[in-house]
Each structure stands twice: as structure tokens, then as C-alpha cells.
Amino acid sequence: MTTKKTNLSDYNPDMIPSGKNFNIGIVVSEWNPTITNSLLDGAYSTLVDLGVERNNITVEHVPGSFELPTGAKLMLKYGKYDAIICLGCVIQGETRHFDFICDAVANAIAQLAIDENKPVIFGVLTTNDMQQAIERSGGKHGNKGVEAAVTALKMAALKERIKQSEKK
């Protein structure tokens, strides 16, 4: 599927579970702040638009994308969250550092979700250049933060549905 003219953040609000009863944590990287702040704005406003109370959204900052899994784990350990959204941006450079960071962060976030039995959402841009990051953090391809917020609510609702069906 081509993304040249596609806004990947379009969604039908009628198809998204209400966030009214959910507590959502957001951990966001301070590295590439122009991009990560746009991702945060997209995620936060989408959560509010979909019914999450502002006082049920907690935002924590970490130095870089590599620290996102640790920030998420701390939020899960010391808070009561239905889902955690991890937001960051890693832009390809001239060394293999990009590959190591992207791989480590993606694997750690996935493993954390499995280990903690809670949705931990990967909202990290891994782009070739700054222009691609801009296009995916509120530009022509949408905002990955919006997508992460929608995913968090869908996964939190899935967990709740499964949990309720187990009680029957």
C-alpha cells in the first residue's frame, strides 16, 4: 500500500471504544522535541476527543526513545493505567546507531506489553529524514500520536471485554 497521498491517522470515531473509564499513561521522548511534541499533542487531543477525562491522562517525559520502555515500565509499576502510549522519533543518521535503537525500543516495548499483560503502544517514528518525521507527526501522512491513542483505546477495551467474559 502506498502512503504518498494517504493520511494514516484517519479513523471513524464511531468505531472506537469510548475512553470514558480508562486511565492512559503517555511516555514521550524529549529527543527531536518538535516531532515528539506534535505526537504528544495528537495523542492527547485524540484521547480527550474519544472521552478520556483530562485528569485520567498522565504524561511523563524521558530523555530519548531508548528510555521509553523504562519510562513505560515505571508508569505501569507505580500507576494504575489501562494502557501506556510510548511516543518518540528516531531519524536515520550516518551510523548503525539508528538500527540498534529502533530494534531495542521496538522489542522492549513489545516484551513489556507481554510481560505486564497491559497494552503498551509503539508510537515511535523511525524515519529516514526529518521531512518524513514531519509528514508523520501532523503533516500530510497524519499523526502517529493519533494512531497510538486510537490503538491504546482499542487494546484497553479488548482487555476489558476479555476480562469481563472470563467472569461469566
N, C-alpha and C. Protein backbone atom coordinates (compact mmCIF):
# COMPACT_ATOMS: atom_id res chain seq x y z
N MET A 1 0.84 -1.18 0.00
CA MET A 1 0.00 0.00 0.00
C MET A 1 0.88 1.24 0.00
N THR A 2 0.61 2.14 -0.86
CA THR A 2 1.38 3.38 -0.92
C THR A 2 0.85 4.39 0.09
N THR A 3 1.75 5.21 0.61
CA THR A 3 1.33 6.22 1.57
C THR A 3 1.58 7.62 1.04
N LYS A 4 1.85 7.75 -0.24
CA LYS A 4 2.20 9.05 -0.80
C LYS A 4 1.10 10.10 -0.58
N LYS A 5 -0.16 9.71 -0.70
CA LYS A 5 -1.26 10.66 -0.55
C LYS A 5 -2.21 10.26 0.58
N THR A 6 -1.77 9.41 1.47
CA THR A 6 -2.65 8.85 2.47
C THR A 6 -2.41 9.47 3.84
N ASN A 7 -3.49 9.89 4.48
CA ASN A 7 -3.43 10.29 5.88
C ASN A 7 -3.70 9.04 6.70
N LEU A 8 -2.66 8.52 7.32
CA LEU A 8 -2.77 7.26 8.05
C LEU A 8 -3.50 7.41 9.38
N SER A 9 -3.83 8.64 9.75
CA SER A 9 -4.46 8.88 11.05
C SER A 9 -5.97 9.03 10.97
N ASP A 10 -6.54 8.90 9.78
CA ASP A 10 -7.99 8.97 9.67
C ASP A 10 -8.63 7.79 10.38
N TYR A 11 -9.69 8.06 11.14
CA TYR A 11 -10.42 6.99 11.81
C TYR A 11 -11.87 7.41 11.95
N ASN A 12 -12.71 6.43 12.11
CA ASN A 12 -14.13 6.67 12.33
C ASN A 12 -14.37 6.63 13.84
N PRO A 13 -14.70 7.77 14.47
CA PRO A 13 -14.88 7.78 15.92
C PRO A 13 -15.97 6.83 16.41
N ASP A 14 -16.92 6.52 15.54
CA ASP A 14 -17.98 5.58 15.93
C ASP A 14 -17.47 4.16 16.08
N MET A 15 -16.28 3.90 15.54
CA MET A 15 -15.71 2.55 15.60
C MET A 15 -14.68 2.41 16.73
N ILE A 16 -14.50 3.47 17.49
CA ILE A 16 -13.51 3.46 18.57
C ILE A 16 -14.23 3.39 19.90
N PRO A 17 -13.83 2.51 20.81
CA PRO A 17 -14.47 2.45 22.12
C PRO A 17 -14.31 3.77 22.87
N SER A 18 -15.29 4.11 23.67
CA SER A 18 -15.20 5.31 24.50
C SER A 18 -14.05 5.16 25.50
N GLY A 19 -13.34 6.24 25.70
CA GLY A 19 -12.25 6.24 26.67
C GLY A 19 -12.68 6.69 28.04
N LYS A 20 -13.99 6.86 28.24
CA LYS A 20 -14.51 7.46 29.47
C LYS A 20 -13.99 6.81 30.75
N ASN A 21 -13.87 5.51 30.78
CA ASN A 21 -13.49 4.83 32.01
C ASN A 21 -12.03 4.40 32.06
N PHE A 22 -11.23 4.89 31.13
CA PHE A 22 -9.84 4.45 31.07
C PHE A 22 -8.87 5.50 31.60
N ASN A 23 -7.79 5.00 32.21
CA ASN A 23 -6.64 5.80 32.62
C ASN A 23 -5.51 5.47 31.66
N ILE A 24 -4.99 6.49 31.02
CA ILE A 24 -3.97 6.29 29.99
C ILE A 24 -2.70 7.04 30.39
N GLY A 25 -1.58 6.35 30.29
CA GLY A 25 -0.28 6.96 30.50
C GLY A 25 0.39 7.20 29.16
N ILE A 26 1.08 8.31 29.07
CA ILE A 26 1.85 8.61 27.87
C ILE A 26 3.27 8.90 28.30
N VAL A 27 4.22 8.19 27.72
CA VAL A 27 5.63 8.47 27.97
C VAL A 27 6.21 8.95 26.64
N VAL A 28 6.86 10.11 26.69
CA VAL A 28 7.29 10.76 25.45
C VAL A 28 8.76 11.15 25.54
N SER A 29 9.47 10.91 24.46
CA SER A 29 10.89 11.23 24.37
C SER A 29 11.10 12.73 24.20
N GLU A 30 12.12 13.24 24.88
CA GLU A 30 12.49 14.65 24.73
C GLU A 30 13.37 14.87 23.50
N TRP A 31 13.92 13.80 22.93
CA TRP A 31 14.79 13.92 21.75
C TRP A 31 13.91 14.21 20.54
N ASN A 32 14.34 15.08 19.64
CA ASN A 32 13.54 15.54 18.50
C ASN A 32 12.23 16.16 18.98
N PRO A 33 12.30 17.17 19.86
CA PRO A 33 11.11 17.69 20.53
C PRO A 33 10.06 18.29 19.60
N THR A 34 10.46 18.86 18.49
CA THR A 34 9.45 19.40 17.56
C THR A 34 8.52 18.28 17.12
N ILE A 35 9.10 17.14 16.83
CA ILE A 35 8.32 15.99 16.37
C ILE A 35 7.57 15.34 17.53
N THR A 36 8.25 15.07 18.63
CA THR A 36 7.61 14.34 19.73
C THR A 36 6.52 15.17 20.40
N ASN A 37 6.68 16.49 20.44
CA ASN A 37 5.61 17.33 20.99
C ASN A 37 4.38 17.30 20.10
N SER A 38 4.58 17.23 18.78
CA SER A 38 3.45 17.09 17.86
C SER A 38 2.76 15.74 18.04
N LEU A 39 3.55 14.69 18.24
CA LEU A 39 2.97 13.38 18.50
C LEU A 39 2.15 13.41 19.79
N LEU A 40 2.71 14.04 20.81
CA LEU A 40 2.01 14.15 22.10
C LEU A 40 0.71 14.93 21.94
N ASP A 41 0.75 16.05 21.24
CA ASP A 41 -0.47 16.83 21.02
C ASP A 41 -1.54 16.00 20.32
N GLY A 42 -1.12 15.23 19.31
CA GLY A 42 -2.07 14.39 18.59
C GLY A 42 -2.67 13.31 19.47
N ALA A 43 -1.83 12.64 20.26
CA ALA A 43 -2.32 11.58 21.13
C ALA A 43 -3.24 12.15 22.20
N TYR A 44 -2.80 13.20 22.85
CA TYR A 44 -3.57 13.78 23.96
C TYR A 44 -4.94 14.27 23.48
N SER A 45 -4.96 15.04 22.41
CA SER A 45 -6.24 15.58 21.93
C SER A 45 -7.16 14.47 21.44
N THR A 46 -6.61 13.43 20.84
CA THR A 46 -7.44 12.30 20.40
C THR A 46 -8.04 11.57 21.58
N LEU A 47 -7.25 11.34 22.62
CA LEU A 47 -7.80 10.69 23.82
C LEU A 47 -8.95 11.50 24.40
N VAL A 48 -8.76 12.81 24.51
CA VAL A 48 -9.82 13.67 25.05
C VAL A 48 -11.04 13.64 24.14
N ASP A 49 -10.82 13.74 22.82
CA ASP A 49 -11.93 13.70 21.87
C ASP A 49 -12.71 12.39 21.96
N LEU A 50 -12.04 11.32 22.35
CA LEU A 50 -12.68 10.00 22.43
C LEU A 50 -13.15 9.67 23.85
N GLY A 51 -13.20 10.69 24.72
CA GLY A 51 -13.86 10.52 26.00
C GLY A 51 -12.99 10.34 27.22
N VAL A 52 -11.68 10.27 27.07
CA VAL A 52 -10.82 10.12 28.24
C VAL A 52 -10.80 11.46 28.98
N GLU A 53 -11.06 11.41 30.28
CA GLU A 53 -11.02 12.62 31.09
C GLU A 53 -9.57 13.12 31.16
N ARG A 54 -9.39 14.42 31.10
CA ARG A 54 -8.04 15.00 31.16
C ARG A 54 -7.28 14.55 32.40
N ASN A 55 -7.97 14.45 33.53
CA ASN A 55 -7.29 14.03 34.76
C ASN A 55 -7.00 12.53 34.78
N ASN A 56 -7.42 11.80 33.74
CA ASN A 56 -7.10 10.38 33.61
C ASN A 56 -6.00 10.13 32.58
N ILE A 57 -5.33 11.21 32.17
CA ILE A 57 -4.20 11.12 31.25
C ILE A 57 -2.97 11.66 31.98
N THR A 58 -1.95 10.83 32.08
CA THR A 58 -0.70 11.24 32.71
C THR A 58 0.40 11.22 31.67
N VAL A 59 1.16 12.31 31.60
CA VAL A 59 2.26 12.42 30.64
C VAL A 59 3.58 12.49 31.41
N GLU A 60 4.51 11.64 31.02
CA GLU A 60 5.86 11.66 31.58
C GLU A 60 6.86 11.76 30.43
N HIS A 61 7.95 12.45 30.67
CA HIS A 61 8.99 12.62 29.66
C HIS A 61 10.24 11.84 30.03
N VAL A 62 10.89 11.30 29.02
CA VAL A 62 12.18 10.62 29.18
C VAL A 62 13.17 11.25 28.20
N PRO A 63 14.48 11.10 28.46
CA PRO A 63 15.46 11.77 27.60
C PRO A 63 15.39 11.41 26.12
N GLY A 64 15.27 10.13 25.81
CA GLY A 64 15.29 9.70 24.41
C GLY A 64 14.40 8.49 24.20
N SER A 65 14.32 8.04 22.96
CA SER A 65 13.48 6.88 22.64
C SER A 65 13.96 5.61 23.33
N PHE A 66 15.28 5.49 23.53
CA PHE A 66 15.81 4.30 24.19
C PHE A 66 15.24 4.14 25.60
N GLU A 67 14.89 5.25 26.24
CA GLU A 67 14.37 5.22 27.61
C GLU A 67 12.85 5.02 27.68
N LEU A 68 12.17 4.99 26.54
CA LEU A 68 10.72 4.81 26.55
C LEU A 68 10.26 3.54 27.26
N PRO A 69 10.87 2.38 27.00
CA PRO A 69 10.42 1.18 27.71
C PRO A 69 10.57 1.27 29.23
N THR A 70 11.66 1.87 29.69
CA THR A 70 11.84 2.02 31.13
C THR A 70 10.80 2.97 31.71
N GLY A 71 10.55 4.08 31.01
CA GLY A 71 9.52 5.01 31.47
C GLY A 71 8.16 4.33 31.53
N ALA A 72 7.84 3.54 30.51
CA ALA A 72 6.56 2.82 30.50
C ALA A 72 6.49 1.81 31.63
N LYS A 73 7.57 1.10 31.87
CA LYS A 73 7.58 0.11 32.95
C LYS A 73 7.38 0.78 34.31
N LEU A 74 8.02 1.91 34.53
CA LEU A 74 7.84 2.63 35.79
C LEU A 74 6.40 3.11 35.95
N MET A 75 5.82 3.58 34.87
CA MET A 75 4.41 4.01 34.95
C MET A 75 3.50 2.83 35.29
N LEU A 76 3.76 1.69 34.69
CA LEU A 76 2.94 0.51 34.98
C LEU A 76 3.13 0.02 36.41
N LYS A 77 4.36 0.12 36.89
CA LYS A 77 4.65 -0.37 38.24
C LYS A 77 4.04 0.51 39.32
N TYR A 78 4.07 1.82 39.12
CA TYR A 78 3.67 2.74 40.18
C TYR A 78 2.34 3.44 39.91
N GLY A 79 1.72 3.17 38.80
CA GLY A 79 0.45 3.80 38.48
C GLY A 79 -0.61 2.78 38.15
N LYS A 80 -1.81 3.25 37.97
CA LYS A 80 -2.93 2.37 37.60
C LYS A 80 -3.43 2.79 36.22
N TYR A 81 -2.80 2.23 35.21
CA TYR A 81 -3.11 2.60 33.83
C TYR A 81 -3.69 1.42 33.08
N ASP A 82 -4.63 1.73 32.21
CA ASP A 82 -5.21 0.71 31.34
C ASP A 82 -4.37 0.49 30.09
N ALA A 83 -3.58 1.50 29.73
CA ALA A 83 -2.67 1.39 28.59
C ALA A 83 -1.62 2.48 28.73
N ILE A 84 -0.48 2.21 28.14
CA ILE A 84 0.61 3.19 28.07
C ILE A 84 0.93 3.42 26.60
N ILE A 85 1.08 4.67 26.23
CA ILE A 85 1.47 5.04 24.87
C ILE A 85 2.91 5.54 24.93
N CYS A 86 3.77 4.97 24.10
CA CYS A 86 5.17 5.38 24.01
C CYS A 86 5.35 6.19 22.72
N LEU A 87 5.81 7.43 22.86
CA LEU A 87 5.97 8.32 21.71
C LEU A 87 7.42 8.76 21.58
N GLY A 88 7.97 8.60 20.40
CA GLY A 88 9.35 9.01 20.16
C GLY A 88 9.61 9.15 18.68
N CYS A 89 10.82 9.55 18.35
CA CYS A 89 11.22 9.72 16.95
C CYS A 89 12.71 9.44 16.84
N VAL A 90 13.04 8.48 15.99
CA VAL A 90 14.44 8.16 15.70
C VAL A 90 14.63 8.39 14.21
N ILE A 91 15.58 9.27 13.87
CA ILE A 91 15.83 9.62 12.48
C ILE A 91 17.17 9.01 12.05
N GLN A 92 17.16 8.37 10.89
CA GLN A 92 18.35 7.72 10.35
C GLN A 92 19.52 8.70 10.29
N GLY A 93 20.65 8.26 10.75
CA GLY A 93 21.87 9.05 10.64
C GLY A 93 22.88 8.32 9.78
N GLU A 94 24.14 8.65 9.97
CA GLU A 94 25.19 8.06 9.14
C GLU A 94 25.77 6.78 9.73
N THR A 95 25.36 6.41 10.95
CA THR A 95 25.90 5.21 11.57
C THR A 95 24.79 4.20 11.83
N ARG A 96 25.15 3.05 12.32
CA ARG A 96 24.17 1.99 12.61
C ARG A 96 23.43 2.23 13.93
N HIS A 97 23.74 3.30 14.61
CA HIS A 97 23.07 3.65 15.87
C HIS A 97 21.54 3.57 15.70
N PHE A 98 21.03 4.08 14.59
CA PHE A 98 19.61 4.07 14.26
C PHE A 98 19.04 2.65 14.37
N ASP A 99 19.72 1.71 13.73
CA ASP A 99 19.24 0.32 13.73
C ASP A 99 19.18 -0.27 15.13
N PHE A 100 20.23 -0.03 15.91
CA PHE A 100 20.27 -0.58 17.26
C PHE A 100 19.18 0.02 18.14
N ILE A 101 19.01 1.32 18.06
CA ILE A 101 17.99 1.98 18.89
C ILE A 101 16.59 1.51 18.50
N CYS A 102 16.28 1.55 17.21
CA CYS A 102 14.95 1.15 16.75
C CYS A 102 14.62 -0.29 17.14
N ASP A 103 15.57 -1.18 16.93
CA ASP A 103 15.36 -2.58 17.25
C ASP A 103 15.17 -2.78 18.76
N ALA A 104 16.02 -2.16 19.55
CA ALA A 104 15.93 -2.31 21.00
C ALA A 104 14.62 -1.76 21.54
N VAL A 105 14.22 -0.59 21.08
CA VAL A 105 13.00 0.03 21.59
C VAL A 105 11.77 -0.77 21.18
N ALA A 106 11.69 -1.17 19.92
CA ALA A 106 10.53 -1.93 19.46
C ALA A 106 10.41 -3.25 20.22
N ASN A 107 11.50 -3.96 20.35
CA ASN A 107 11.45 -5.24 21.06
C ASN A 107 11.13 -5.08 22.53
N ALA A 108 11.70 -4.06 23.18
CA ALA A 108 11.45 -3.86 24.61
C ALA A 108 10.00 -3.46 24.86
N ILE A 109 9.43 -2.62 24.02
CA ILE A 109 8.03 -2.23 24.20
C ILE A 109 7.12 -3.43 24.00
N ALA A 110 7.37 -4.22 22.98
CA ALA A 110 6.56 -5.43 22.75
C ALA A 110 6.68 -6.39 23.92
N GLN A 111 7.89 -6.61 24.40
CA GLN A 111 8.09 -7.54 25.52
C GLN A 111 7.45 -7.02 26.79
N LEU A 112 7.50 -5.73 27.01
CA LEU A 112 6.88 -5.14 28.20
C LEU A 112 5.37 -5.37 28.19
N ALA A 113 4.74 -5.19 27.05
CA ALA A 113 3.30 -5.42 26.95
C ALA A 113 2.96 -6.88 27.27
N ILE A 114 3.78 -7.78 26.77
CA ILE A 114 3.55 -9.20 27.04
C ILE A 114 3.78 -9.52 28.51
N ASP A 115 4.89 -9.06 29.04
CA ASP A 115 5.23 -9.37 30.44
C ASP A 115 4.25 -8.77 31.44
N GLU A 116 3.79 -7.57 31.17
CA GLU A 116 2.92 -6.86 32.11
C GLU A 116 1.44 -7.10 31.87
N ASN A 117 1.11 -7.78 30.77
CA ASN A 117 -0.28 -8.07 30.43
C ASN A 117 -1.11 -6.78 30.34
N LYS A 118 -0.50 -5.75 29.78
CA LYS A 118 -1.17 -4.46 29.58
C LYS A 118 -0.79 -3.94 28.20
N PRO A 119 -1.68 -3.21 27.56
CA PRO A 119 -1.33 -2.61 26.29
C PRO A 119 -0.23 -1.54 26.46
N VAL A 120 0.86 -1.72 25.75
CA VAL A 120 1.93 -0.73 25.68
C VAL A 120 2.12 -0.46 24.19
N ILE A 121 1.80 0.75 23.80
CA ILE A 121 1.65 1.07 22.38
C ILE A 121 2.92 1.71 21.82
N PHE A 122 3.35 1.21 20.68
CA PHE A 122 4.54 1.69 19.98
C PHE A 122 4.15 2.85 19.08
N GLY A 123 4.39 4.06 19.54
CA GLY A 123 4.13 5.26 18.76
C GLY A 123 5.43 5.96 18.43
N VAL A 124 6.39 5.20 17.95
CA VAL A 124 7.72 5.74 17.68
C VAL A 124 7.93 5.83 16.18
N LEU A 125 8.23 7.01 15.71
CA LEU A 125 8.56 7.18 14.30
C LEU A 125 10.00 6.73 14.07
N THR A 126 10.21 5.98 13.01
CA THR A 126 11.55 5.53 12.62
C THR A 126 11.71 5.93 11.16
N THR A 127 12.24 7.11 10.94
CA THR A 127 12.22 7.69 9.60
C THR A 127 13.62 7.86 9.02
N ASN A 128 13.65 8.03 7.71
CA ASN A 128 14.92 8.24 7.03
C ASN A 128 15.44 9.67 7.18
N ASP A 129 14.52 10.62 7.37
CA ASP A 129 14.94 12.02 7.47
C ASP A 129 13.89 12.84 8.22
N MET A 130 14.22 14.08 8.49
CA MET A 130 13.33 14.96 9.24
C MET A 130 12.03 15.21 8.48
N GLN A 131 12.08 15.31 7.17
CA GLN A 131 10.87 15.57 6.40
C GLN A 131 9.85 14.45 6.59
N GLN A 132 10.30 13.21 6.55
CA GLN A 132 9.38 12.09 6.80
C GLN A 132 8.80 12.18 8.20
N ALA A 133 9.59 12.57 9.17
CA ALA A 133 9.09 12.70 10.54
C ALA A 133 8.02 13.79 10.62
N ILE A 134 8.25 14.90 9.96
CA ILE A 134 7.27 15.99 9.94
C ILE A 134 5.97 15.52 9.29
N GLU A 135 6.09 14.79 8.19
CA GLU A 135 4.90 14.32 7.48
C GLU A 135 4.08 13.33 8.29
N ARG A 136 4.70 12.69 9.28
CA ARG A 136 4.02 11.67 10.09
C ARG A 136 3.71 12.14 11.51
N SER A 137 3.97 13.41 11.78
CA SER A 137 3.68 13.96 13.12
C SER A 137 2.77 15.18 13.00
N GLY A 138 1.83 15.10 12.07
CA GLY A 138 0.89 16.17 11.86
C GLY A 138 0.90 16.71 10.45
N GLY A 139 1.72 16.13 9.59
CA GLY A 139 1.81 16.55 8.20
C GLY A 139 0.88 15.75 7.30
N LYS A 140 1.27 15.62 6.05
CA LYS A 140 0.38 15.03 5.05
C LYS A 140 0.04 13.56 5.28
N HIS A 141 0.84 12.87 6.07
CA HIS A 141 0.52 11.46 6.35
C HIS A 141 -0.15 11.29 7.71
N GLY A 142 -0.55 12.38 8.33
CA GLY A 142 -1.27 12.28 9.59
C GLY A 142 -0.35 12.44 10.78
N ASN A 143 -0.75 11.84 11.87
CA ASN A 143 -0.01 11.98 13.12
C ASN A 143 0.01 10.63 13.83
N LYS A 144 1.19 10.05 13.96
CA LYS A 144 1.34 8.75 14.61
C LYS A 144 0.82 8.79 16.05
N GLY A 145 0.83 9.95 16.68
CA GLY A 145 0.27 10.08 18.03
C GLY A 145 -1.22 9.80 18.05
N VAL A 146 -1.93 10.26 17.04
CA VAL A 146 -3.36 9.97 16.91
C VAL A 146 -3.57 8.47 16.78
N GLU A 147 -2.79 7.85 15.91
CA GLU A 147 -2.90 6.40 15.70
C GLU A 147 -2.62 5.64 17.00
N ALA A 148 -1.63 6.08 17.74
CA ALA A 148 -1.27 5.42 19.00
C ALA A 148 -2.40 5.55 20.02
N ALA A 149 -3.05 6.71 20.07
CA ALA A 149 -4.16 6.91 21.01
C ALA A 149 -5.33 6.00 20.66
N VAL A 150 -5.66 5.92 19.38
CA VAL A 150 -6.74 5.04 18.94
C VAL A 150 -6.41 3.58 19.28
N THR A 151 -5.19 3.18 19.01
CA THR A 151 -4.75 1.82 19.32
C THR A 151 -4.84 1.54 20.81
N ALA A 152 -4.42 2.50 21.64
CA ALA A 152 -4.47 2.32 23.09
C ALA A 152 -5.89 2.06 23.56
N LEU A 153 -6.84 2.84 23.07
CA LEU A 153 -8.24 2.64 23.48
C LEU A 153 -8.80 1.32 22.98
N LYS A 154 -8.47 0.95 21.76
CA LYS A 154 -8.94 -0.33 21.24
C LYS A 154 -8.39 -1.50 22.06
N MET A 155 -7.12 -1.43 22.39
CA MET A 155 -6.50 -2.52 23.15
C MET A 155 -6.97 -2.55 24.60
N ALA A 156 -7.15 -1.39 25.21
CA ALA A 156 -7.67 -1.34 26.59
C ALA A 156 -9.09 -1.92 26.63
N ALA A 157 -9.89 -1.57 25.63
CA ALA A 157 -11.26 -2.10 25.56
C ALA A 157 -11.25 -3.60 25.30
N LEU A 158 -10.34 -4.07 24.46
CA LEU A 158 -10.22 -5.51 24.22
C LEU A 158 -9.91 -6.25 25.51
N LYS A 159 -8.95 -5.74 26.25
CA LYS A 159 -8.59 -6.39 27.51
C LYS A 159 -9.79 -6.42 28.44
N GLU A 160 -10.51 -5.32 28.53
CA GLU A 160 -11.67 -5.25 29.43
C GLU A 160 -12.76 -6.22 29.00
N ARG A 161 -13.02 -6.32 27.68
CA ARG A 161 -14.02 -7.26 27.18
C ARG A 161 -13.65 -8.70 27.52
N ILE A 162 -12.40 -9.04 27.30
CA ILE A 162 -11.95 -10.41 27.58
C ILE A 162 -12.03 -10.69 29.07
N LYS A 163 -11.61 -9.74 29.87
CA LYS A 163 -11.66 -9.88 31.32
C LYS A 163 -13.12 -10.08 31.79
N GLN A 164 -14.05 -9.32 31.26
CA GLN A 164 -15.45 -9.44 31.64
C GLN A 164 -16.03 -10.78 31.19
N SER A 165 -15.64 -11.26 30.03
CA SER A 165 -16.17 -12.54 29.55
C SER A 165 -15.66 -13.70 30.39
N GLU A 166 -14.49 -13.54 30.98
CA GLU A 166 -13.94 -14.57 31.87
C GLU A 166 -14.75 -14.70 33.14
N LYS A 167 -15.39 -13.60 33.56
CA LYS A 167 -16.16 -13.60 34.81
C LYS A 167 -17.51 -14.28 34.65
N LYS A 168 -17.96 -14.48 33.41
CA LYS A 168 -19.28 -15.05 33.18
C LYS A 168 -19.28 -16.55 33.35
